[in-house]
Protein backbone atom coordinates (compact mmCIF):
# COMPACT_ATOMS: atom_id res chain seq x y z
CA MET A 1 158.01 190.18 28.93
CA GLU A 2 154.79 192.11 29.49
CA LYS A 3 153.51 191.04 26.06
CA THR A 4 154.36 187.38 26.73
CA ALA A 5 152.63 187.47 30.14
CA ALA A 6 149.53 188.91 28.56
CA GLU A 7 149.32 186.35 25.72
CA THR A 8 150.19 183.17 27.71
CA PRO A 9 146.70 182.60 29.21
CA ARG A 10 145.11 183.04 25.78
CA GLN A 11 147.55 180.57 24.27
CA ILE A 12 146.81 178.00 26.99
CA ALA A 13 143.08 178.40 26.42
CA ASN A 14 143.52 178.00 22.67
CA ALA A 15 145.61 174.87 23.22
CA HIS A 16 142.84 173.31 25.42
CA THR A 17 140.22 174.16 22.83
CA ILE A 18 142.22 172.65 19.99
CA PHE A 19 142.93 169.52 22.07
CA ASN A 20 139.22 168.98 22.89
CA VAL A 21 138.14 169.58 19.28
CA VAL A 22 140.71 167.13 17.95
CA ASN A 23 139.68 164.48 20.54
CA THR A 24 136.05 164.93 19.59
CA ILE A 25 136.78 164.55 15.88
CA VAL A 26 138.91 161.46 16.48
CA PHE A 27 136.53 159.63 18.88
CA LEU A 28 133.16 160.70 17.42
CA PRO A 29 132.98 157.81 14.92
CA PHE A 30 133.44 155.36 17.82
CA ALA A 31 130.68 156.80 20.06
CA GLY A 32 128.27 153.95 19.33
CA GLN A 33 130.83 151.30 20.22
CA PHE A 34 131.69 153.11 23.48
CA ALA A 35 127.98 153.30 24.35
CA ARG A 36 127.55 149.55 23.83
CA ILE A 37 130.62 148.84 26.00
CA VAL A 38 129.17 150.98 28.81
CA GLU A 39 125.78 149.21 28.54
CA TYR A 40 127.55 145.86 28.76
CA LEU A 41 129.59 146.85 31.80
CA LEU A 42 126.67 148.61 33.55
CA PRO A 43 123.45 146.75 32.60
CA ASP A 44 120.13 148.50 33.02
CA LYS A 45 118.56 147.58 36.42
CA GLU A 46 115.53 149.81 36.18
CA GLU A 47 113.07 146.92 35.74
CA GLU A 48 114.53 145.03 38.72
CA ALA A 49 114.30 148.16 40.86
CA VAL A 50 110.62 148.61 39.99
CA THR A 51 109.88 144.97 40.71
CA ASP A 52 111.58 145.02 44.11
CA VAL A 53 110.46 148.44 45.32
CA THR A 54 107.58 146.99 47.36
CA ARG A 55 109.70 144.24 48.85
CA ARG A 56 112.27 146.81 49.95
CA GLU A 57 109.55 148.49 51.99
CA TRP A 58 109.08 145.26 53.95
CA THR A 59 111.51 144.23 56.63
CA THR A 60 112.00 141.92 59.56
CA ILE A 61 112.43 143.31 63.06
CA HIS A 62 113.77 140.48 65.21
CA LEU A 63 115.94 138.41 62.84
CA ASP A 64 119.47 139.53 63.60
CA PRO A 65 122.18 137.44 61.85
CA ASP A 66 124.69 138.47 64.53
CA LEU A 67 122.78 136.24 66.97
CA PHE A 68 123.54 133.00 65.11
CA ALA A 69 126.49 132.51 67.44
CA VAL A 70 124.01 132.19 70.34
CA PRO A 71 121.28 129.86 69.01
CA SER A 72 119.08 130.03 72.11
CA ILE A 73 118.71 133.80 71.73
CA ALA A 74 118.34 133.57 67.95
CA LEU A 75 115.49 131.10 68.40
CA GLU A 76 113.72 133.37 70.86
CA GLN A 77 114.09 136.25 68.41
CA THR A 78 112.46 134.05 65.78
CA ARG A 79 109.54 133.55 68.14
CA GLY A 80 109.12 137.34 68.18
CA GLU A 81 109.10 137.55 64.37
CA ILE A 82 106.56 134.72 64.12
CA ALA A 83 104.37 136.54 66.62
CA ARG A 84 104.62 139.60 64.36
CA ILE A 85 103.35 137.81 61.25
CA ALA A 86 100.69 136.17 63.41
CA GLY A 87 99.41 139.69 64.06
CA MET A 88 99.31 140.33 60.31
CA VAL A 89 97.43 137.08 59.69
CA ARG A 90 95.03 137.89 62.52
CA GLY A 91 94.19 141.20 60.83
CA ILE A 92 93.55 139.43 57.52
CA VAL A 93 91.24 136.86 59.14
CA ALA A 94 89.46 139.62 61.06
CA ASP A 95 88.75 141.64 57.90
CA ILE A 96 87.64 138.95 55.45
CA VAL A 97 84.24 138.04 56.97
CA PRO A 98 82.92 141.62 57.40
CA ALA A 99 83.87 142.13 53.74
CA PHE A 100 81.75 139.09 52.86
CA ILE A 101 78.78 140.42 54.71
CA SER A 102 78.98 143.87 53.12
CA ASN A 103 80.13 142.64 49.66
CA HIS A 104 83.12 144.98 49.99
CA VAL A 105 85.16 143.44 47.16
CA SER A 106 87.97 146.02 47.30
CA VAL A 107 88.91 144.70 50.75
CA GLY A 108 90.02 141.55 48.94
CA ASP A 109 92.58 143.54 46.92
CA ASP A 110 93.92 145.15 50.10
CA ILE A 111 94.15 141.75 51.78
CA LEU A 112 96.15 140.35 48.87
CA LYS A 113 98.73 143.13 49.27
CA ARG A 114 99.02 142.42 52.99
CA GLN A 115 99.36 138.71 52.30
CA ASP A 116 102.35 139.38 50.05
CA GLU A 117 104.11 140.92 53.05
CA VAL A 118 103.25 137.92 55.23
CA GLU A 119 104.68 135.65 52.56
CA TYR A 120 107.88 137.69 52.37
CA VAL A 121 108.45 137.73 56.14
CA ALA A 122 107.59 134.03 56.43
CA GLU A 123 110.24 133.28 53.80
CA GLU A 124 112.78 135.30 55.79
CA ILE A 125 111.85 133.34 58.92
CA ASP A 126 112.37 130.04 57.10
CA ASN A 127 115.79 131.18 55.88
CA TYR A 128 116.75 132.37 59.37
CA LEU A 129 115.74 129.08 60.98
CA LEU A 130 117.64 127.20 58.30
CA GLU A 131 120.78 129.15 59.16
CA ILE A 132 120.28 128.43 62.87
CA SER A 133 119.93 124.71 62.11
CA ARG A 134 123.43 124.75 60.60
CA ARG A 135 124.94 125.78 63.95
CA PRO A 136 125.83 123.33 66.73
CA LEU A 137 122.53 122.77 68.56
CA ASN A 138 121.58 120.58 71.47
CA GLN A 139 118.51 118.36 71.22
CA GLU A 140 116.28 120.86 72.99
CA GLN A 141 117.23 123.71 70.67
CA SER A 142 116.80 121.52 67.60
CA SER A 143 113.31 120.52 68.76
CA PHE A 144 112.44 124.15 69.48
CA GLY A 145 113.56 125.20 66.00
CA THR A 146 111.41 122.50 64.42
CA GLN A 147 108.39 123.64 66.40
CA LEU A 148 108.94 127.25 65.36
CA MET A 149 109.15 126.23 61.71
CA ASN A 150 105.94 124.18 62.00
CA ILE A 151 104.06 127.07 63.58
CA ALA A 152 105.31 129.51 60.93
CA THR A 153 104.18 127.01 58.28
CA ASP A 154 100.68 126.81 59.80
CA LEU A 155 100.42 130.60 59.68
CA GLU A 156 101.46 130.47 56.02
CA HIS A 157 98.72 127.89 55.41
CA ILE A 158 96.10 130.24 56.88
CA ASN A 159 97.46 133.06 54.74
CA ASP A 160 97.32 130.83 51.64
CA LEU A 161 93.79 129.65 52.42
CA VAL A 162 92.48 133.21 52.55
CA ARG A 163 94.33 134.10 49.33
CA ARG A 164 93.42 130.95 47.41
CA ASP A 165 89.86 130.36 48.61
CA LEU A 166 88.22 133.18 50.55
CA VAL A 167 89.28 136.18 48.44
CA PRO A 168 88.06 134.58 45.16
CA LEU A 169 84.83 133.62 46.96
CA LEU A 170 84.43 137.23 48.11
CA ARG A 171 84.81 138.45 44.52
CA ARG A 172 82.33 135.89 43.26
CA LYS A 173 79.75 136.91 45.86
CA GLY A 174 80.26 140.65 45.30
CA GLU A 175 80.21 140.49 41.50
CA ALA A 176 77.03 138.40 41.57
CA GLY A 177 75.41 140.79 44.05
CA ILE A 178 74.56 137.92 46.40
CA ASP A 179 73.44 138.80 49.93
CA PHE A 180 73.10 136.50 52.92
CA SER A 181 70.01 136.77 55.07
CA ASP A 182 70.13 138.75 58.31
CA GLU A 183 70.01 135.47 60.22
CA GLY A 184 72.80 134.03 58.10
CA ASN A 185 74.95 137.13 58.61
CA GLU A 186 74.48 136.97 62.37
CA GLN A 187 75.36 133.28 62.45
CA LEU A 188 78.44 133.92 60.36
CA ARG A 189 79.53 136.76 62.64
CA GLY A 190 79.17 134.51 65.68
CA TYR A 191 81.14 131.67 64.15
CA HIS A 192 83.81 134.10 62.92
CA ARG A 193 84.16 135.57 66.41
CA GLY A 194 84.73 132.11 67.84
CA VAL A 195 87.40 131.24 65.27
CA LEU A 196 89.11 134.60 65.71
CA ARG A 197 89.04 134.22 69.51
CA ASN A 198 90.70 130.81 69.25
CA PHE A 199 93.38 132.16 66.92
CA GLU A 200 94.11 135.06 69.26
CA THR A 201 94.26 132.73 72.26
CA VAL A 202 96.71 130.31 70.68
CA MET A 203 98.99 133.13 69.56
CA GLN A 204 98.90 134.63 73.05
CA ALA A 205 99.86 131.21 74.33
CA PHE A 206 102.72 131.18 71.84
CA GLU A 207 104.01 134.62 72.83
CA ARG A 208 103.68 133.96 76.57
CA ASN A 209 104.81 130.35 76.37
CA SER A 210 101.56 129.39 78.12
CA PRO A 211 100.56 125.72 77.80
CA GLU A 212 97.31 126.38 79.69
CA GLU A 213 96.13 128.83 77.03
CA ALA A 214 97.09 126.30 74.36
CA ARG A 215 94.96 123.67 76.11
CA GLN A 216 92.10 126.18 76.24
CA VAL A 217 92.06 126.27 72.42
CA ILE A 218 91.91 122.49 72.27
CA ARG A 219 89.11 122.32 74.85
CA SER A 220 87.04 124.84 72.89
CA ARG A 221 87.10 122.69 69.77
CA GLU A 222 83.98 120.68 70.53
CA ALA A 223 81.79 123.71 71.26
CA LEU A 224 82.99 125.60 68.19
CA THR A 225 82.58 122.54 65.96
CA ASP A 226 79.02 122.03 67.22
CA LEU A 227 78.25 125.67 66.51
CA GLY A 228 79.57 125.34 62.97
CA HIS A 229 77.58 122.17 62.38
CA ARG A 230 74.37 123.85 63.53
CA TYR A 231 74.91 126.71 61.11
CA GLU A 232 75.73 124.31 58.28
CA MET A 233 72.71 122.09 58.93
CA THR A 234 70.40 125.11 59.02
CA HIS A 235 71.46 126.18 55.55
CA PHE A 236 71.87 122.65 54.16
CA GLY A 237 68.30 121.87 55.20
CA GLU A 238 67.06 124.85 53.25
CA MET A 239 68.82 123.91 50.03
CA GLY A 240 66.30 121.27 48.94
CA SER A 241 63.27 123.55 49.22
CA VAL A 242 64.49 126.86 47.73
CA GLN A 243 64.98 128.24 44.24
CA GLU A 244 68.24 127.93 42.33
CA ALA A 245 69.39 131.46 43.22
CA SER A 246 68.88 130.73 46.91
CA ARG A 247 70.82 127.48 46.57
CA GLU A 248 73.78 129.51 45.29
CA VAL A 249 73.55 131.70 48.40
CA ASN A 250 73.55 128.65 50.65
CA HIS A 251 76.47 127.07 48.80
CA LEU A 252 78.49 130.25 49.29
CA TYR A 253 77.56 130.39 52.96
CA LEU A 254 78.58 126.78 53.55
CA ASP A 255 81.87 127.35 51.74
CA VAL A 256 82.72 130.35 53.94
CA ALA A 257 81.85 128.40 57.09
CA ASP A 258 84.01 125.47 55.93
CA TYR A 259 87.04 127.70 55.32
CA LEU A 260 86.65 129.30 58.74
CA GLN A 261 86.57 125.82 60.25
CA ARG A 262 89.85 125.03 58.49
CA ILE A 263 91.42 128.18 59.91
CA ASN A 264 90.38 127.02 63.36
CA SER A 265 91.97 123.62 62.65
CA TYR A 266 95.29 125.32 61.95
CA ALA A 267 95.00 127.23 65.24
CA GLU A 268 94.39 123.94 67.00
CA THR A 269 97.40 122.39 65.27
CA ILE A 270 99.57 125.24 66.59
CA ALA A 271 98.27 124.49 70.09
CA TYR A 272 99.22 120.83 69.77
CA THR A 273 102.65 121.78 68.44
CA MET A 274 103.22 123.91 71.53
CA LEU A 275 102.26 121.09 73.85
CA GLU A 276 104.72 118.65 72.30
CA GLY A 277 107.21 120.29 74.67
CA TYR A 278 106.73 123.81 75.84
CA LEU A 279 108.17 126.32 73.41
CA ASP A 280 110.93 127.49 75.71
CA THR A 281 114.71 127.48 75.47
CA ARG A 282 115.24 129.81 78.40
CA GLY A 283 116.12 127.18 80.97
CA GLY A 284 112.70 126.67 82.52
CA GLU A 285 110.93 123.36 82.99
CA ARG A 286 109.87 121.66 79.77
CA LYS A 287 107.27 118.96 79.77
CA LYS A 288 107.11 116.33 77.08
CA GLY A 289 104.25 114.22 75.86
CA GLY A 290 101.43 116.75 75.68
CA PRO A 291 98.02 115.69 74.39
CA GLN A 292 98.05 114.45 70.83
CA PRO A 293 95.56 115.54 68.17
CA SER A 294 92.68 113.26 67.42
CA ALA A 295 92.40 111.48 64.08
CA ALA A 296 89.68 113.93 63.08
CA THR A 297 91.90 116.89 63.81
CA GLN A 298 94.81 115.41 61.86
CA GLN A 299 92.52 114.80 58.91
CA GLN A 300 91.20 118.36 58.96
CA SER A 301 94.67 119.88 59.10
């Protein structure tokens, strides 16, 4: 009995060893086939993970799917998310002109990364509004949702304009080593401040649901347009009497001024969208039939 007790553990260990060796010998020739089966069942997702790593860092703050059951609250939450990307777009517009003046080309690369985030969040807003539109909505909520989508689209247009037009123009100016004159830089700063002020005002109007601030943007159009025209005429008048290199400078300057004017047109379009019927689903008074954009404004936008 003592001998058996002493040998039993050794015999069990030997049996396990023999079993594992035999299994290895039997299944070793089939290792390749097993590996292919595993690869088929569990495909490699490393490339997808690398591609999406940046997008996973982005998120929305206000878009809660649980609120679809209460469309009025879901729509107000969408307003908050649109205000958030408006802040991102404002930062992009604020940074692009100083980069032009200093020929800071690397700012363009940073702006492109920030614009990708704006694009992502804007897409999430579109999807969220689409889901809301599938719920039972009254006429007021449906109109509000349409307005929100239009305003988000205008912000996307500003984002696209900077990406498509101003960033390549910045690279062209920086790589060519072109500098504006001190007078030109000061004029550009002044015009940029006016456009940025209008954008900030209309987005404040949007966040506060303030029709008066929206009207303020529309009223400022004439003065800002006149300012832009004066700058453009100053440089256009110089183009016929300067050398070819200076003409290139003036062309660049006029292009930048034109794109800023388009950004202001989008801000004005947002103001008109607000005044179609105050952006409010919270039970307050809503007024219809706000001022309509002029033919010139519609053409610009």
